[in-house]
N, C-alpha and C. Protein backbone atom coordinates (compact mmCIF):
# COMPACT_ATOMS: atom_id res chain seq x y z
N MET A 1 227.80 10.70 58.66
CA MET A 1 227.28 12.15 58.21
C MET A 1 226.40 12.66 57.35
N LEU A 2 226.16 11.79 56.36
CA LEU A 2 225.31 12.35 55.23
C LEU A 2 224.40 11.67 55.60
N ALA A 3 223.44 11.11 56.70
CA ALA A 3 222.22 10.25 57.06
C ALA A 3 221.40 11.41 56.94
N PRO A 4 221.42 12.54 57.46
CA PRO A 4 220.30 13.45 57.56
C PRO A 4 219.63 13.34 56.32
N LEU A 5 220.82 14.20 55.23
CA LEU A 5 220.73 14.39 53.91
C LEU A 5 219.96 13.39 53.21
N LEU A 6 220.64 12.20 53.50
CA LEU A 6 219.98 11.02 52.64
C LEU A 6 218.50 10.73 52.96
N LEU A 7 218.49 10.91 54.09
CA LEU A 7 216.58 10.72 54.82
C LEU A 7 216.00 11.70 54.47
N ASP A 8 216.46 12.81 53.98
CA ASP A 8 215.72 13.96 53.92
C ASP A 8 215.02 13.93 52.40
N GLY A 9 216.38 13.19 51.49
CA GLY A 9 216.01 13.06 49.91
C GLY A 9 215.32 12.16 49.61
N LEU A 10 214.97 11.19 50.80
CA LEU A 10 214.26 10.00 50.51
C LEU A 10 213.20 10.51 50.76
N GLY A 11 212.58 11.65 51.64
CA GLY A 11 211.61 12.14 52.18
C GLY A 11 210.99 11.35 53.44
N SER A 12 212.24 10.96 54.53
CA SER A 12 211.59 10.29 55.54
C SER A 12 211.81 11.16 56.57
N SER A 13 211.60 10.77 57.92
CA SER A 13 211.63 11.65 58.95
C SER A 13 213.07 11.82 60.08
N LEU A 14 213.58 12.59 60.16
CA LEU A 14 214.42 12.30 60.58
C LEU A 14 214.28 11.98 62.36
N ARG A 15 213.34 11.55 62.59
CA ARG A 15 213.00 10.83 63.84
C ARG A 15 213.61 9.30 63.44
N GLU A 16 213.54 8.88 62.43
CA GLU A 16 214.24 7.26 61.79
C GLU A 16 215.80 7.34 61.53
N LEU A 17 216.28 8.71 62.24
CA LEU A 17 217.73 8.69 61.69
C LEU A 17 218.48 7.50 62.40
N GLY A 18 217.67 7.17 64.23
CA GLY A 18 218.54 6.29 64.56
C GLY A 18 218.87 5.39 64.22
N ILE A 19 217.42 4.86 63.60
CA ILE A 19 217.14 3.57 62.95
C ILE A 19 218.13 3.15 61.82
N PHE A 20 218.32 4.37 61.22
CA PHE A 20 219.06 3.98 59.78
C PHE A 20 220.23 4.18 60.49
N ARG A 21 220.80 5.06 61.62
CA ARG A 21 222.57 4.77 61.42
C ARG A 21 222.54 3.40 62.04
N PHE A 22 222.01 2.80 62.92
CA PHE A 22 222.26 1.26 63.51
C PHE A 22 222.16 -0.06 62.41
N GLY A 23 221.35 0.79 61.47
CA GLY A 23 221.13 -0.37 60.33
C GLY A 23 222.13 -0.54 59.50
N VAL A 24 222.38 0.80 59.07
CA VAL A 24 223.93 0.79 58.32
C VAL A 24 225.22 0.01 59.01
N LEU A 25 225.19 0.17 60.50
CA LEU A 25 226.25 -0.46 61.10
C LEU A 25 226.03 -2.01 61.11
N GLY A 26 224.79 -1.91 61.33
CA GLY A 26 224.48 -3.55 61.71
C GLY A 26 224.85 -4.36 60.24
N ALA A 27 224.25 -3.73 59.28
CA ALA A 27 224.92 -4.31 57.92
C ALA A 27 226.05 -4.21 57.92
N LEU A 28 226.93 -3.56 58.03
CA LEU A 28 228.59 -3.48 58.06
C LEU A 28 228.89 -4.60 58.62
N PHE A 29 228.40 -4.63 59.85
CA PHE A 29 229.02 -5.89 60.84
C PHE A 29 228.68 -7.28 60.10
N GLN A 30 227.18 -7.50 59.51
CA GLN A 30 227.09 -8.70 59.31
C GLN A 30 227.52 -8.91 57.60
N ALA A 31 227.70 -8.09 57.00
CA ALA A 31 228.83 -7.71 55.87
C ALA A 31 230.32 -8.54 56.22
N LEU A 32 231.03 -8.18 57.30
CA LEU A 32 231.91 -8.67 57.58
C LEU A 32 232.12 -10.18 58.15
N MET A 33 230.91 -10.46 58.95
CA MET A 33 230.79 -11.78 59.48
C MET A 33 230.55 -12.62 58.37
N MET A 34 229.80 -12.30 57.23
CA MET A 34 229.76 -13.27 56.20
C MET A 34 230.79 -13.56 55.23
N PHE A 35 231.92 -12.33 55.62
CA PHE A 35 233.18 -12.40 54.71
C PHE A 35 233.94 -13.82 55.49
N THR A 36 233.60 -13.67 56.82
CA THR A 36 234.51 -14.61 58.06
C THR A 36 234.01 -15.96 57.51
N THR A 37 232.47 -16.27 56.76
CA THR A 37 231.71 -17.30 56.95
C THR A 37 232.47 -17.90 55.73
N VAL A 38 232.73 -17.15 54.43
CA VAL A 38 233.05 -17.17 53.69
C VAL A 38 234.34 -18.30 53.53
N ILE A 39 235.15 -17.81 54.59
CA ILE A 39 236.80 -18.23 54.52
C ILE A 39 236.75 -19.33 55.45
N LEU A 40 235.49 -19.84 56.52
CA LEU A 40 235.58 -20.98 56.92
C LEU A 40 234.69 -21.90 55.99
N ALA A 41 233.82 -21.44 54.75
CA ALA A 41 233.63 -22.49 54.20
C ALA A 41 234.55 -22.68 53.08
N TYR A 42 235.54 -22.09 52.35
CA TYR A 42 236.48 -22.33 51.64
C TYR A 42 237.53 -23.34 52.26
N PHE A 43 237.42 -23.32 53.87
CA PHE A 43 238.43 -24.31 54.40
C PHE A 43 237.14 -25.73 54.84
N ASP A 44 236.28 -26.09 53.84
CA ASP A 44 235.36 -27.05 54.29
C ASP A 44 234.83 -27.12 55.78
N LEU A 45 234.47 -25.88 56.66
CA LEU A 45 234.16 -25.99 57.96
C LEU A 45 232.69 -26.04 57.76
N ARG A 46 232.22 -26.56 57.12
CA ARG A 46 230.40 -26.19 57.59
C ARG A 46 230.00 -25.96 58.80
N ARG A 47 230.36 -27.03 59.99
CA ARG A 47 230.02 -26.86 61.08
C ARG A 47 229.71 -25.98 61.71
N LEU A 48 231.22 -25.61 61.52
CA LEU A 48 231.36 -23.82 62.03
C LEU A 48 230.61 -22.65 61.39
N VAL A 49 230.60 -22.99 60.16
CA VAL A 49 229.51 -22.03 59.66
C VAL A 49 228.24 -21.97 59.83
N LEU A 50 227.65 -23.26 59.96
CA LEU A 50 226.74 -23.45 60.45
C LEU A 50 226.13 -22.79 62.06
N ALA A 51 227.16 -22.75 63.01
CA ALA A 51 227.30 -22.44 64.42
C ALA A 51 226.96 -20.89 63.93
N VAL A 52 228.06 -20.09 63.64
CA VAL A 52 228.27 -18.66 63.10
C VAL A 52 226.62 -18.36 63.00
N TYR A 53 225.76 -19.34 61.87
CA TYR A 53 224.53 -18.64 61.68
C TYR A 53 223.37 -18.76 63.00
N VAL A 54 223.44 -19.81 63.24
CA VAL A 54 222.63 -20.20 64.78
C VAL A 54 222.55 -19.09 65.58
N VAL A 55 224.16 -18.94 65.77
CA VAL A 55 224.29 -17.30 66.62
C VAL A 55 223.82 -16.33 66.22
N PHE A 56 223.84 -16.13 65.18
CA PHE A 56 223.25 -14.83 64.63
C PHE A 56 221.82 -14.60 64.54
N LEU A 57 221.17 -16.14 64.07
CA LEU A 57 219.73 -16.40 64.46
C LEU A 57 219.16 -16.03 65.90
N ALA A 58 219.92 -16.52 66.81
CA ALA A 58 219.54 -16.10 68.26
C ALA A 58 220.04 -15.00 68.77
N THR A 59 220.91 -14.67 68.61
CA THR A 59 221.04 -13.09 68.87
C THR A 59 220.17 -12.47 68.29
N ASN A 60 220.01 -12.20 67.01
CA ASN A 60 219.11 -11.58 66.40
C ASN A 60 217.71 -11.36 66.98
N LEU A 61 217.27 -12.74 67.18
CA LEU A 61 215.83 -13.33 67.87
C LEU A 61 215.81 -12.00 69.11
N GLY A 62 216.93 -12.76 70.14
CA GLY A 62 217.00 -11.93 71.47
C GLY A 62 217.02 -10.96 71.38
N PHE A 63 218.05 -10.15 70.94
CA PHE A 63 218.48 -8.51 71.04
C PHE A 63 217.26 -8.00 70.33
N THR A 64 216.25 -8.43 69.53
CA THR A 64 215.48 -7.88 68.77
C THR A 64 214.03 -7.90 69.54
N TRP A 65 214.07 -9.05 70.29
CA TRP A 65 212.93 -9.22 71.13
C TRP A 65 212.66 -8.05 72.17
N PHE A 66 214.22 -8.37 72.89
CA PHE A 66 214.18 -7.24 74.15
C PHE A 66 214.16 -5.49 73.85
N THR A 67 214.99 -5.19 72.60
CA THR A 67 214.85 -4.19 72.32
C THR A 67 213.50 -3.70 71.75
N ARG A 68 212.84 -4.03 71.03
CA ARG A 68 211.46 -3.90 70.85
C ARG A 68 210.32 -3.84 71.88
N SER A 69 210.90 -4.50 73.19
CA SER A 69 210.04 -4.06 74.49
C SER A 69 210.51 -3.05 74.71
N LEU A 70 211.41 -2.14 74.66
CA LEU A 70 211.96 -1.01 74.96
C LEU A 70 211.60 0.31 74.55
N GLY A 71 211.07 -0.04 73.29
CA GLY A 71 210.25 1.55 72.69
C GLY A 71 210.95 1.31 71.04
N TYR A 72 210.06 2.55 70.76
CA TYR A 72 210.94 2.92 69.48
C TYR A 72 212.38 3.54 69.44
N PRO A 73 212.51 4.34 70.57
CA PRO A 73 214.11 4.90 70.49
C PRO A 73 214.91 3.28 70.04
N TYR A 74 214.89 2.53 70.63
CA TYR A 74 215.46 1.52 70.82
C TYR A 74 215.51 0.65 69.38
N TYR A 75 214.85 0.77 68.83
CA TYR A 75 214.32 0.20 67.27
C TYR A 75 216.10 0.17 66.55
N GLY A 76 216.09 -0.74 66.13
CA GLY A 76 217.73 -0.86 65.14
C GLY A 76 218.59 -1.67 65.89
N TYR A 77 218.96 -1.16 67.29
CA TYR A 77 219.91 -2.01 68.19
C TYR A 77 219.70 -3.62 68.58
N GLY A 78 218.78 -3.89 68.31
CA GLY A 78 218.60 -5.70 68.00
C GLY A 78 219.48 -6.07 66.93
N TYR A 79 219.60 -5.92 65.88
CA TYR A 79 220.14 -6.11 64.71
C TYR A 79 221.56 -5.88 65.01
N PHE A 80 221.49 -4.23 65.61
CA PHE A 80 222.95 -3.94 65.31
C PHE A 80 223.82 -4.75 66.62
N LEU A 81 223.31 -4.99 67.63
CA LEU A 81 224.08 -5.98 68.85
C LEU A 81 224.23 -7.25 67.99
N ALA A 82 223.03 -7.95 67.21
CA ALA A 82 223.24 -9.26 67.19
C ALA A 82 224.51 -9.62 65.74
N SER A 83 224.29 -8.33 65.11
CA SER A 83 225.93 -8.40 63.86
C SER A 83 227.27 -8.45 64.73
N LEU A 84 226.91 -7.44 65.71
CA LEU A 84 228.42 -7.10 66.42
C LEU A 84 228.54 -8.54 66.93
N VAL A 85 228.03 -8.77 67.89
CA VAL A 85 228.08 -10.21 68.35
C VAL A 85 228.77 -11.54 67.75
N THR A 86 228.04 -11.50 66.50
CA THR A 86 227.83 -12.39 65.64
C THR A 86 229.57 -12.49 65.18
N LEU A 87 229.92 -11.49 64.53
CA LEU A 87 231.38 -10.75 63.82
C LEU A 87 232.12 -10.83 64.69
N VAL A 88 232.08 -11.00 66.39
CA VAL A 88 232.91 -11.37 67.06
C VAL A 88 232.90 -12.80 67.10
N VAL A 89 232.20 -13.65 67.23
CA VAL A 89 232.04 -14.94 67.36
C VAL A 89 232.92 -15.78 65.99
N ALA A 90 232.28 -15.08 64.86
CA ALA A 90 232.83 -15.83 63.54
C ALA A 90 234.32 -15.17 63.07
N TYR A 91 234.97 -13.73 63.78
CA TYR A 91 235.94 -13.96 64.06
C TYR A 91 236.85 -14.87 64.75
N VAL A 92 236.68 -14.88 66.00
CA VAL A 92 237.21 -15.97 66.88
C VAL A 92 237.23 -17.02 66.47
N LEU A 93 236.47 -18.06 65.53
CA LEU A 93 236.22 -19.07 64.87
C LEU A 93 237.23 -19.15 63.68
N THR A 94 237.42 -17.82 63.20
CA THR A 94 238.19 -17.96 61.53
C THR A 94 239.49 -17.86 62.16
N ALA A 95 239.78 -17.18 63.34
CA ALA A 95 241.49 -16.74 63.68
C ALA A 95 241.83 -18.28 64.39
N ARG A 96 240.97 -18.90 64.96
CA ARG A 96 241.37 -20.32 65.34
C ARG A 96 241.67 -21.48 64.31
N SER A 97 240.75 -21.22 63.55
CA SER A 97 241.03 -22.19 62.04
C SER A 97 241.90 -21.99 61.45
N VAL A 98 242.05 -20.54 61.07
CA VAL A 98 243.41 -20.45 60.19
C VAL A 98 244.70 -20.55 61.36
N ALA A 99 244.79 -20.44 62.43
CA ALA A 99 246.15 -21.05 63.52
C ALA A 99 246.18 -22.36 63.13
N ARG A 100 244.83 -23.02 62.82
CA ARG A 100 245.03 -24.70 62.44
C ARG A 100 245.20 -25.16 61.19
N LEU A 101 245.22 -24.42 60.62
CA LEU A 101 245.30 -24.20 58.98
C LEU A 101 246.10 -25.62 58.64
N PRO A 102 247.55 -25.95 58.98
CA PRO A 102 248.09 -26.94 58.75
C PRO A 102 247.72 -28.19 59.25
N TYR A 103 247.03 -28.17 60.33
CA TYR A 103 246.59 -29.33 60.72
C TYR A 103 244.91 -29.73 60.04
N ILE A 104 244.41 -28.59 59.20
CA ILE A 104 243.26 -28.94 58.87
C ILE A 104 243.43 -29.58 57.36
N THR A 105 244.66 -28.88 56.79
CA THR A 105 244.98 -29.25 55.57
C THR A 105 245.73 -30.83 55.36
N PHE A 106 246.68 -30.92 56.04
CA PHE A 106 247.49 -32.08 55.95
C PHE A 106 247.24 -33.30 56.77
N VAL A 107 246.43 -32.94 57.64
CA VAL A 107 245.79 -34.33 58.56
C VAL A 107 243.96 -34.49 58.78
N ALA A 108 243.52 -33.47 58.81
CA ALA A 108 241.91 -33.52 58.85
C ALA A 108 241.16 -34.18 57.48
N ASN A 109 241.84 -33.69 56.29
CA ASN A 109 241.46 -33.70 54.95
C ASN A 109 242.29 -34.81 54.55
N ASN A 110 242.77 -35.63 54.72
CA ASN A 110 243.93 -36.72 54.59
C ASN A 110 242.99 -37.76 54.37
N PRO A 111 242.54 -38.63 53.27
CA PRO A 111 241.68 -39.62 53.26
C PRO A 111 242.63 -40.89 54.01
N SER A 112 243.79 -40.80 53.55
CA SER A 112 244.73 -42.03 53.99
C SER A 112 244.61 -42.04 55.79
N LEU A 113 244.21 -40.99 56.19
CA LEU A 113 244.59 -41.30 57.60
C LEU A 113 243.05 -41.78 58.50
N LYS A 114 242.17 -42.00 57.26
CA LYS A 114 240.89 -41.90 57.93
C LYS A 114 240.43 -43.37 57.84
N PRO A 115 240.07 -44.14 58.83
CA PRO A 115 239.60 -45.42 59.09
C PRO A 115 238.78 -45.92 57.65
N SER A 116 239.11 -46.61 56.86
CA SER A 116 237.84 -47.21 55.62
C SER A 116 237.29 -48.16 56.34
N VAL A 117 235.89 -48.24 55.45
CA VAL A 117 234.95 -48.83 55.87
C VAL A 117 234.33 -49.52 54.84
N ALA A 118 234.90 -50.88 55.48
CA ALA A 118 234.61 -51.98 54.26
C ALA A 118 233.07 -52.21 53.63
N PRO A 119 233.10 -52.60 52.39
CA PRO A 119 231.91 -52.76 51.46
C PRO A 119 230.73 -53.52 52.38
N ALA A 120 229.75 -53.23 52.02
CA ALA A 120 228.57 -54.26 52.31
C ALA A 120 228.44 -55.54 51.82
N GLY A 121 228.29 -56.29 52.08
CA GLY A 121 227.95 -57.54 51.26
C GLY A 121 228.59 -58.48 51.23
């Protein structure tokens, strides 16, 4: 609601209001997505963290390329949509991982349950 006042104070045109609003929403969704990846990293689920950021890269490239071709009124939508889609993916992966937390904690990370590798030589 304060975006017009903020843009006016910065000396920007009100024509950029839509870009600013979608940029702010995109940044909010990206911050939430990064919070979920911190949780995944805490559980040492590096492949899932990598998958989340690959999804963000691919969706950001794709949506931004598509919305760029639509013209100036759609600038900012690509980043917003990429952040939103990636947040949903990250949330689903994090929720599934938290549901499997006892298995991850006591079985997957238990070195006594992993096959030992004989030393070379």
